[in-house]
N, C-alpha and C. Protein backbone atom coordinates (compact mmCIF):
# COMPACT_ATOMS: atom_id res chain seq x y z
N MET A 1 20.75 -30.54 23.68
CA MET A 1 20.07 -29.37 23.17
C MET A 1 18.99 -29.71 22.16
N LYS A 2 19.34 -30.64 21.22
CA LYS A 2 18.41 -31.01 20.18
C LYS A 2 17.10 -31.56 20.78
N ARG A 3 17.21 -32.23 21.91
CA ARG A 3 16.03 -32.78 22.57
C ARG A 3 15.02 -31.71 22.99
N CYS A 4 15.46 -30.52 23.32
CA CYS A 4 14.60 -29.45 23.71
C CYS A 4 13.62 -29.06 22.62
N PHE A 5 13.95 -29.32 21.38
CA PHE A 5 13.14 -28.95 20.22
C PHE A 5 12.41 -30.13 19.62
N THR A 6 12.35 -31.25 20.33
CA THR A 6 11.74 -32.48 19.77
C THR A 6 10.55 -32.85 20.65
N ALA A 7 9.34 -32.90 20.02
CA ALA A 7 8.17 -33.33 20.76
C ALA A 7 8.18 -34.86 20.86
N ASP A 8 7.63 -35.34 21.96
CA ASP A 8 7.46 -36.81 22.13
C ASP A 8 6.43 -37.39 21.19
N LEU A 9 5.41 -36.55 20.85
CA LEU A 9 4.31 -37.00 19.98
C LEU A 9 3.87 -35.80 19.14
N GLN A 10 3.50 -36.09 17.90
CA GLN A 10 2.90 -35.04 17.04
C GLN A 10 1.53 -35.50 16.64
N VAL A 11 0.54 -34.62 16.69
CA VAL A 11 -0.82 -34.92 16.28
C VAL A 11 -1.37 -33.74 15.47
N ARG A 12 -2.34 -34.01 14.65
CA ARG A 12 -2.95 -32.95 13.86
C ARG A 12 -3.90 -32.10 14.69
N SER A 13 -4.52 -32.68 15.67
CA SER A 13 -5.55 -32.00 16.48
C SER A 13 -5.55 -32.54 17.86
N VAL A 14 -5.93 -31.69 18.83
CA VAL A 14 -6.02 -32.16 20.19
C VAL A 14 -7.04 -33.29 20.31
N GLN A 15 -8.01 -33.33 19.43
CA GLN A 15 -9.05 -34.36 19.52
C GLN A 15 -8.53 -35.79 19.30
N GLU A 16 -7.31 -35.88 18.76
CA GLU A 16 -6.70 -37.21 18.60
C GLU A 16 -6.26 -37.74 20.00
N LEU A 17 -6.24 -36.90 20.96
CA LEU A 17 -5.78 -37.29 22.31
C LEU A 17 -6.97 -37.81 23.12
N ARG A 18 -7.47 -38.94 22.72
CA ARG A 18 -8.61 -39.57 23.41
C ARG A 18 -8.19 -40.13 24.79
N PRO A 19 -9.09 -40.30 25.68
CA PRO A 19 -8.73 -40.86 26.99
C PRO A 19 -7.97 -42.17 26.93
N GLU A 20 -8.35 -43.04 26.01
CA GLU A 20 -7.70 -44.32 25.88
C GLU A 20 -6.23 -44.14 25.41
N ARG A 21 -6.02 -43.23 24.53
CA ARG A 21 -4.63 -42.95 24.04
C ARG A 21 -3.83 -42.41 25.17
N LEU A 22 -4.39 -41.47 25.94
CA LEU A 22 -3.63 -40.86 27.04
C LEU A 22 -3.31 -41.93 28.09
N GLU A 23 -4.25 -42.86 28.32
CA GLU A 23 -4.00 -43.94 29.29
C GLU A 23 -2.88 -44.87 28.78
N SER A 24 -2.88 -45.14 27.47
CA SER A 24 -1.78 -45.97 26.93
C SER A 24 -0.43 -45.31 27.04
N LEU A 25 -0.43 -43.97 27.04
CA LEU A 25 0.80 -43.18 27.19
C LEU A 25 1.15 -42.93 28.63
N ARG A 26 0.26 -43.45 29.55
CA ARG A 26 0.45 -43.30 31.02
C ARG A 26 0.35 -41.81 31.44
N LEU A 27 -0.51 -41.08 30.73
CA LEU A 27 -0.72 -39.67 31.06
C LEU A 27 -2.06 -39.46 31.76
N GLU A 28 -2.02 -38.67 32.86
CA GLU A 28 -3.23 -38.43 33.58
C GLU A 28 -3.55 -36.95 33.68
N ALA A 29 -2.69 -36.10 33.14
CA ALA A 29 -2.93 -34.64 33.20
C ALA A 29 -2.35 -33.98 31.93
N LEU A 30 -3.04 -32.95 31.48
CA LEU A 30 -2.55 -32.20 30.33
C LEU A 30 -2.52 -30.68 30.65
N LEU A 31 -1.39 -30.10 30.27
CA LEU A 31 -1.32 -28.63 30.30
C LEU A 31 -1.51 -28.22 28.86
N LEU A 32 -2.51 -27.34 28.63
CA LEU A 32 -2.96 -27.01 27.29
C LEU A 32 -2.67 -25.58 26.94
N ASP A 33 -1.96 -25.37 25.83
CA ASP A 33 -1.83 -24.05 25.27
C ASP A 33 -3.21 -23.61 24.74
N VAL A 34 -3.43 -22.35 24.59
CA VAL A 34 -4.77 -21.87 24.18
C VAL A 34 -4.80 -21.53 22.71
N ASP A 35 -4.10 -20.44 22.32
CA ASP A 35 -4.21 -19.91 20.95
C ASP A 35 -3.54 -20.85 19.96
N CYS A 36 -4.28 -21.17 18.91
CA CYS A 36 -3.86 -22.01 17.80
C CYS A 36 -3.72 -23.49 18.19
N THR A 37 -3.97 -23.77 19.46
CA THR A 37 -4.01 -25.18 19.91
C THR A 37 -5.43 -25.63 20.15
N LEU A 38 -6.14 -24.88 21.01
CA LEU A 38 -7.57 -25.17 21.29
C LEU A 38 -8.52 -24.37 20.40
N LYS A 39 -8.06 -23.22 19.94
CA LYS A 39 -8.92 -22.34 19.17
C LYS A 39 -8.05 -21.49 18.24
N PRO A 40 -8.62 -20.99 17.16
CA PRO A 40 -7.87 -20.00 16.33
C PRO A 40 -7.55 -18.76 17.17
N TYR A 41 -6.47 -18.12 16.81
CA TYR A 41 -5.95 -17.01 17.60
C TYR A 41 -7.02 -15.89 17.87
N ARG A 42 -7.82 -15.52 16.87
CA ARG A 42 -8.78 -14.45 17.07
C ARG A 42 -10.09 -14.86 17.68
N ASP A 43 -10.37 -16.13 17.78
CA ASP A 43 -11.63 -16.62 18.36
C ASP A 43 -11.66 -16.43 19.85
N GLU A 44 -12.86 -16.19 20.40
CA GLU A 44 -13.02 -16.03 21.86
C GLU A 44 -13.37 -17.34 22.49
N GLU A 45 -13.91 -18.27 21.74
CA GLU A 45 -14.39 -19.56 22.29
C GLU A 45 -13.78 -20.73 21.52
N VAL A 46 -13.81 -21.90 22.15
CA VAL A 46 -13.46 -23.12 21.43
C VAL A 46 -14.61 -23.56 20.60
N GLY A 47 -14.37 -24.31 19.56
CA GLY A 47 -15.46 -24.85 18.72
C GLY A 47 -16.18 -25.95 19.46
N PRO A 48 -17.33 -26.40 18.97
CA PRO A 48 -18.08 -27.41 19.63
C PRO A 48 -17.38 -28.76 19.73
N GLU A 49 -16.53 -29.08 18.73
CA GLU A 49 -15.82 -30.34 18.79
C GLU A 49 -14.74 -30.33 19.90
N VAL A 50 -14.09 -29.24 20.05
CA VAL A 50 -13.09 -29.12 21.11
C VAL A 50 -13.77 -29.10 22.48
N ALA A 51 -14.89 -28.36 22.57
CA ALA A 51 -15.64 -28.37 23.85
C ALA A 51 -16.07 -29.79 24.21
N ALA A 52 -16.57 -30.52 23.26
CA ALA A 52 -16.95 -31.94 23.55
C ALA A 52 -15.77 -32.81 23.96
N TRP A 53 -14.61 -32.54 23.32
CA TRP A 53 -13.38 -33.27 23.65
C TRP A 53 -12.97 -32.95 25.08
N LEU A 54 -12.98 -31.67 25.45
CA LEU A 54 -12.63 -31.29 26.84
C LEU A 54 -13.59 -31.97 27.86
N ASP A 55 -14.88 -31.97 27.53
CA ASP A 55 -15.85 -32.64 28.43
C ASP A 55 -15.56 -34.15 28.55
N GLU A 56 -15.17 -34.77 27.41
CA GLU A 56 -14.87 -36.18 27.43
C GLU A 56 -13.64 -36.46 28.32
N LEU A 57 -12.61 -35.64 28.21
CA LEU A 57 -11.45 -35.84 29.06
C LEU A 57 -11.77 -35.62 30.52
N CYS A 58 -12.50 -34.59 30.82
CA CYS A 58 -12.88 -34.34 32.25
C CYS A 58 -13.70 -35.49 32.80
N ALA A 59 -14.62 -36.00 32.04
CA ALA A 59 -15.45 -37.14 32.43
C ALA A 59 -14.59 -38.38 32.67
N ALA A 60 -13.48 -38.51 31.95
CA ALA A 60 -12.62 -39.66 32.06
C ALA A 60 -11.61 -39.48 33.24
N GLY A 61 -11.63 -38.30 33.88
CA GLY A 61 -10.77 -38.07 35.00
C GLY A 61 -9.42 -37.50 34.65
N VAL A 62 -9.24 -37.06 33.40
CA VAL A 62 -7.99 -36.44 33.01
C VAL A 62 -7.99 -35.00 33.54
N ARG A 63 -6.95 -34.64 34.25
CA ARG A 63 -6.82 -33.32 34.80
C ARG A 63 -6.30 -32.32 33.75
N LEU A 64 -6.88 -31.15 33.67
CA LEU A 64 -6.56 -30.16 32.65
C LEU A 64 -6.25 -28.78 33.24
N CYS A 65 -5.25 -28.15 32.66
CA CYS A 65 -4.92 -26.77 33.06
C CYS A 65 -4.45 -26.03 31.81
N LEU A 66 -4.96 -24.81 31.62
CA LEU A 66 -4.51 -24.00 30.53
C LEU A 66 -3.20 -23.32 30.92
N VAL A 67 -2.24 -23.32 30.03
CA VAL A 67 -0.95 -22.65 30.23
C VAL A 67 -0.66 -21.82 29.02
N SER A 68 -0.77 -20.52 29.16
CA SER A 68 -0.70 -19.61 28.05
C SER A 68 0.25 -18.45 28.31
N ASN A 69 0.87 -17.97 27.23
CA ASN A 69 1.62 -16.73 27.36
C ASN A 69 0.72 -15.53 27.27
N GLY A 70 -0.57 -15.72 27.01
CA GLY A 70 -1.53 -14.65 26.90
C GLY A 70 -1.70 -13.86 28.17
N ARG A 71 -2.24 -12.67 28.06
CA ARG A 71 -2.45 -11.81 29.19
C ARG A 71 -3.48 -12.33 30.16
N GLY A 72 -3.30 -12.01 31.42
CA GLY A 72 -4.14 -12.55 32.51
C GLY A 72 -5.60 -12.40 32.32
N PRO A 73 -6.16 -11.22 32.12
CA PRO A 73 -7.60 -11.04 32.03
C PRO A 73 -8.25 -11.86 30.93
N ARG A 74 -7.63 -11.88 29.75
CA ARG A 74 -8.16 -12.62 28.63
C ARG A 74 -8.15 -14.11 28.86
N ILE A 75 -7.06 -14.66 29.41
CA ILE A 75 -6.96 -16.07 29.68
C ILE A 75 -7.86 -16.45 30.88
N GLU A 76 -7.95 -15.56 31.85
CA GLU A 76 -8.88 -15.84 33.00
C GLU A 76 -10.33 -15.96 32.55
N ARG A 77 -10.76 -15.06 31.67
CA ARG A 77 -12.15 -15.14 31.13
C ARG A 77 -12.35 -16.44 30.36
N PHE A 78 -11.37 -16.77 29.51
CA PHE A 78 -11.47 -17.96 28.70
C PHE A 78 -11.52 -19.20 29.59
N ALA A 79 -10.61 -19.27 30.57
CA ALA A 79 -10.59 -20.41 31.48
C ALA A 79 -11.89 -20.52 32.30
N GLY A 80 -12.42 -19.35 32.69
CA GLY A 80 -13.66 -19.36 33.45
C GLY A 80 -14.79 -19.95 32.67
N ARG A 81 -14.89 -19.63 31.38
CA ARG A 81 -15.93 -20.18 30.54
C ARG A 81 -15.84 -21.68 30.42
N LEU A 82 -14.59 -22.20 30.46
CA LEU A 82 -14.39 -23.63 30.34
C LEU A 82 -14.38 -24.33 31.67
N GLY A 83 -14.31 -23.54 32.74
CA GLY A 83 -14.23 -24.13 34.10
C GLY A 83 -12.92 -24.86 34.39
N LEU A 84 -11.84 -24.29 33.84
CA LEU A 84 -10.52 -24.92 34.03
C LEU A 84 -9.56 -24.00 34.76
N PRO A 85 -8.63 -24.54 35.53
CA PRO A 85 -7.57 -23.71 36.10
C PRO A 85 -6.66 -23.22 35.01
N PHE A 86 -5.88 -22.21 35.27
CA PHE A 86 -5.05 -21.60 34.24
C PHE A 86 -3.79 -21.00 34.83
N VAL A 87 -2.79 -20.85 33.93
CA VAL A 87 -1.59 -20.05 34.19
C VAL A 87 -1.50 -19.11 33.02
N ALA A 88 -1.58 -17.80 33.25
CA ALA A 88 -1.45 -16.81 32.21
C ALA A 88 -0.05 -16.21 32.32
N LYS A 89 0.39 -15.52 31.26
CA LYS A 89 1.69 -14.94 31.22
C LYS A 89 2.75 -15.96 31.66
N ALA A 90 2.70 -17.15 31.04
CA ALA A 90 3.51 -18.29 31.47
C ALA A 90 4.99 -18.13 31.11
N CYS A 91 5.30 -17.21 30.28
CA CYS A 91 6.72 -16.97 29.88
C CYS A 91 7.37 -18.19 29.19
N LYS A 92 6.56 -18.94 28.45
CA LYS A 92 7.14 -20.04 27.67
C LYS A 92 8.08 -19.38 26.65
N PRO A 93 9.26 -19.90 26.40
CA PRO A 93 9.72 -21.27 26.58
C PRO A 93 10.36 -21.58 27.95
N PHE A 94 10.34 -20.67 28.90
CA PHE A 94 10.86 -20.98 30.24
C PHE A 94 9.87 -21.97 30.91
N PRO A 95 10.35 -22.81 31.75
CA PRO A 95 9.54 -23.89 32.34
C PRO A 95 8.62 -23.46 33.48
N PHE A 96 8.73 -22.19 33.93
CA PHE A 96 8.02 -21.78 35.16
C PHE A 96 6.48 -21.98 35.07
N GLY A 97 5.91 -21.57 33.96
CA GLY A 97 4.46 -21.74 33.80
C GLY A 97 3.98 -23.16 33.80
N CYS A 98 4.79 -24.04 33.20
CA CYS A 98 4.47 -25.48 33.19
C CYS A 98 4.53 -26.04 34.64
N ARG A 99 5.57 -25.62 35.35
CA ARG A 99 5.69 -26.13 36.73
C ARG A 99 4.54 -25.61 37.57
N GLU A 100 4.13 -24.38 37.35
CA GLU A 100 2.98 -23.85 38.10
C GLU A 100 1.72 -24.64 37.76
N GLY A 101 1.52 -24.97 36.46
CA GLY A 101 0.36 -25.74 36.08
C GLY A 101 0.33 -27.13 36.71
N VAL A 102 1.48 -27.78 36.77
CA VAL A 102 1.60 -29.12 37.42
C VAL A 102 1.19 -28.95 38.91
N LYS A 103 1.72 -27.91 39.52
CA LYS A 103 1.44 -27.70 40.97
C LYS A 103 -0.06 -27.43 41.20
N LYS A 104 -0.71 -26.63 40.31
CA LYS A 104 -2.13 -26.36 40.43
C LYS A 104 -2.98 -27.63 40.30
N LEU A 105 -2.53 -28.55 39.44
CA LEU A 105 -3.23 -29.81 39.25
C LEU A 105 -2.88 -30.83 40.28
N GLY A 106 -1.77 -30.65 40.97
CA GLY A 106 -1.31 -31.67 41.92
C GLY A 106 -0.96 -32.95 41.21
N SER A 107 -0.48 -32.84 39.97
CA SER A 107 -0.18 -33.99 39.16
C SER A 107 1.30 -34.38 39.28
N ASP A 108 1.55 -35.61 38.90
CA ASP A 108 2.90 -36.14 38.84
C ASP A 108 3.51 -35.68 37.52
N PRO A 109 4.64 -34.97 37.56
CA PRO A 109 5.22 -34.50 36.26
C PRO A 109 5.47 -35.56 35.26
N THR A 110 5.81 -36.81 35.73
CA THR A 110 6.08 -37.88 34.81
C THR A 110 4.80 -38.42 34.15
N ARG A 111 3.64 -37.96 34.62
CA ARG A 111 2.37 -38.40 34.05
C ARG A 111 1.59 -37.24 33.50
N THR A 112 2.31 -36.11 33.20
CA THR A 112 1.70 -34.89 32.68
C THR A 112 2.34 -34.52 31.40
N ALA A 113 1.52 -34.02 30.45
CA ALA A 113 2.02 -33.59 29.17
C ALA A 113 1.73 -32.13 28.94
N MET A 114 2.66 -31.45 28.24
CA MET A 114 2.41 -30.11 27.73
C MET A 114 1.99 -30.24 26.28
N VAL A 115 0.81 -29.71 25.92
CA VAL A 115 0.24 -29.78 24.60
C VAL A 115 0.21 -28.38 23.97
N GLY A 116 0.85 -28.23 22.80
CA GLY A 116 0.82 -26.92 22.19
C GLY A 116 1.26 -26.96 20.72
N ASP A 117 1.12 -25.81 20.09
CA ASP A 117 1.40 -25.74 18.67
C ASP A 117 2.74 -25.15 18.30
N GLN A 118 3.49 -24.63 19.32
CA GLN A 118 4.76 -23.96 19.01
C GLN A 118 5.93 -24.75 19.58
N LEU A 119 6.85 -25.09 18.69
CA LEU A 119 8.07 -25.79 19.12
C LEU A 119 8.93 -24.95 20.05
N PHE A 120 9.08 -23.67 19.71
CA PHE A 120 10.00 -22.82 20.45
C PHE A 120 9.35 -22.14 21.66
N ALA A 121 8.15 -22.52 21.98
CA ALA A 121 7.47 -22.03 23.18
C ALA A 121 6.95 -23.21 24.00
N ASP A 122 5.90 -23.88 23.49
CA ASP A 122 5.22 -24.91 24.24
C ASP A 122 6.11 -26.13 24.46
N ILE A 123 6.68 -26.64 23.36
CA ILE A 123 7.48 -27.86 23.48
C ILE A 123 8.75 -27.63 24.29
N MET A 124 9.40 -26.54 24.02
CA MET A 124 10.62 -26.26 24.79
C MET A 124 10.32 -26.08 26.27
N ALA A 125 9.24 -25.38 26.59
CA ALA A 125 8.88 -25.16 28.01
C ALA A 125 8.57 -26.53 28.66
N GLY A 126 7.81 -27.37 27.97
CA GLY A 126 7.46 -28.70 28.50
C GLY A 126 8.71 -29.51 28.72
N ARG A 127 9.62 -29.50 27.73
CA ARG A 127 10.86 -30.26 27.88
C ARG A 127 11.68 -29.77 29.06
N LEU A 128 11.84 -28.47 29.20
CA LEU A 128 12.62 -27.90 30.30
C LEU A 128 11.99 -28.19 31.65
N ALA A 129 10.66 -28.39 31.69
CA ALA A 129 9.97 -28.74 32.92
C ALA A 129 9.96 -30.24 33.19
N GLY A 130 10.50 -31.02 32.25
CA GLY A 130 10.58 -32.47 32.43
C GLY A 130 9.31 -33.19 32.12
N LEU A 131 8.48 -32.62 31.24
CA LEU A 131 7.21 -33.22 30.91
C LEU A 131 7.20 -33.93 29.57
N PHE A 132 6.24 -34.81 29.37
CA PHE A 132 6.00 -35.35 28.04
C PHE A 132 5.46 -34.24 27.20
N THR A 133 5.82 -34.17 25.93
CA THR A 133 5.41 -33.05 25.13
C THR A 133 4.67 -33.53 23.87
N ILE A 134 3.58 -32.80 23.52
CA ILE A 134 2.77 -33.12 22.35
C ILE A 134 2.61 -31.90 21.48
N LEU A 135 3.11 -31.98 20.23
CA LEU A 135 3.03 -30.89 19.29
C LEU A 135 1.76 -31.08 18.45
N VAL A 136 0.97 -30.01 18.34
CA VAL A 136 -0.30 -30.03 17.62
C VAL A 136 -0.13 -29.13 16.37
N THR A 137 -0.72 -29.52 15.28
CA THR A 137 -0.71 -28.65 14.10
C THR A 137 -1.53 -27.42 14.44
N PRO A 138 -0.98 -26.20 14.19
CA PRO A 138 -1.68 -25.00 14.58
C PRO A 138 -2.97 -24.75 13.85
N LEU A 139 -3.97 -24.23 14.58
CA LEU A 139 -5.25 -23.87 13.98
C LEU A 139 -5.13 -22.48 13.40
N HIS A 140 -5.40 -22.33 12.15
CA HIS A 140 -5.38 -21.04 11.44
C HIS A 140 -4.18 -20.16 11.80
N PRO A 141 -2.97 -20.63 11.49
CA PRO A 141 -1.80 -19.85 11.88
C PRO A 141 -1.71 -18.50 11.13
N GLU A 142 -2.49 -18.33 10.07
CA GLU A 142 -2.49 -17.05 9.35
C GLU A 142 -3.07 -15.91 10.22
N GLN A 143 -3.74 -16.25 11.28
CA GLN A 143 -4.33 -15.26 12.18
C GLN A 143 -3.34 -14.81 13.31
N GLU A 144 -2.26 -15.53 13.45
CA GLU A 144 -1.30 -15.25 14.52
C GLU A 144 -0.62 -13.91 14.34
N PRO A 145 -0.10 -13.36 15.40
CA PRO A 145 0.71 -12.14 15.25
C PRO A 145 1.95 -12.38 14.44
N TRP A 146 2.49 -11.33 13.88
CA TRP A 146 3.65 -11.44 13.00
C TRP A 146 4.84 -12.13 13.65
N TYR A 147 5.06 -11.87 14.94
CA TYR A 147 6.27 -12.43 15.58
C TYR A 147 6.12 -13.94 15.73
N THR A 148 4.89 -14.47 15.81
CA THR A 148 4.74 -15.91 15.86
C THR A 148 4.89 -16.48 14.45
N ARG A 149 4.30 -15.85 13.47
CA ARG A 149 4.44 -16.33 12.08
C ARG A 149 5.88 -16.31 11.61
N LEU A 150 6.66 -15.40 12.12
CA LEU A 150 8.08 -15.32 11.80
C LEU A 150 8.85 -16.58 12.17
N LYS A 151 8.43 -17.25 13.25
CA LYS A 151 9.09 -18.43 13.74
C LYS A 151 8.68 -19.73 13.04
N ARG A 152 7.51 -19.69 12.36
CA ARG A 152 6.95 -20.93 11.80
C ARG A 152 7.89 -21.64 10.81
N PRO A 153 8.51 -20.92 9.85
CA PRO A 153 9.37 -21.62 8.90
C PRO A 153 10.54 -22.38 9.60
N LEU A 154 11.09 -21.73 10.60
CA LEU A 154 12.21 -22.38 11.34
C LEU A 154 11.68 -23.59 12.11
N GLU A 155 10.48 -23.48 12.68
CA GLU A 155 9.90 -24.64 13.38
C GLU A 155 9.70 -25.80 12.43
N ARG A 156 9.22 -25.52 11.21
CA ARG A 156 8.99 -26.57 10.25
C ARG A 156 10.30 -27.29 9.89
N CYS A 157 11.39 -26.51 9.80
CA CYS A 157 12.70 -27.10 9.51
C CYS A 157 13.09 -28.07 10.63
N PHE A 158 12.87 -27.63 11.89
CA PHE A 158 13.20 -28.51 13.00
C PHE A 158 12.36 -29.77 13.01
N VAL A 159 11.07 -29.63 12.74
CA VAL A 159 10.19 -30.82 12.72
C VAL A 159 10.59 -31.79 11.64
N ARG A 160 10.88 -31.29 10.46
CA ARG A 160 11.35 -32.20 9.37
C ARG A 160 12.68 -32.84 9.71
N TRP A 161 13.59 -32.07 10.32
CA TRP A 161 14.90 -32.55 10.69
C TRP A 161 14.77 -33.68 11.70
N GLU A 162 13.79 -33.61 12.60
CA GLU A 162 13.65 -34.63 13.65
C GLU A 162 12.95 -35.88 13.18
N CYS A 163 12.22 -35.82 12.09
CA CYS A 163 11.43 -36.98 11.68
C CYS A 163 12.28 -38.07 11.07
């Protein structure tokens, strides 16, 4: 049970996941959470640094898919602007959305990672789907809805407990 709440890797920003680092981890595909992972919750677009990072990964042949609990139309528009496949209403922490993302990419689950900012959604879903998991420090968590902010103190306890 404890393993469900433990990320394989923790990073401050997705931009730390350079192609060389992913290659050293034997990862060839990433399932990416959207809100507070790629962009602040209220923003409609990713920042220029994240856009450049996404371009770098695509150029290096890393396969990418957005996997979000967000509503379909909003995530579809966001994914369309980035030119990426997506899974909306992923129902994380259940593994179904992650499995659908792996299927969309045609990737090997043992070479795919779930990247997100929430232990009790992204990391747990990735673990239950049998994926490598990467926990990212959330971008502007003060913008999140109350129900997400409510979980943050408990997540911090779990992260400290695992270190």
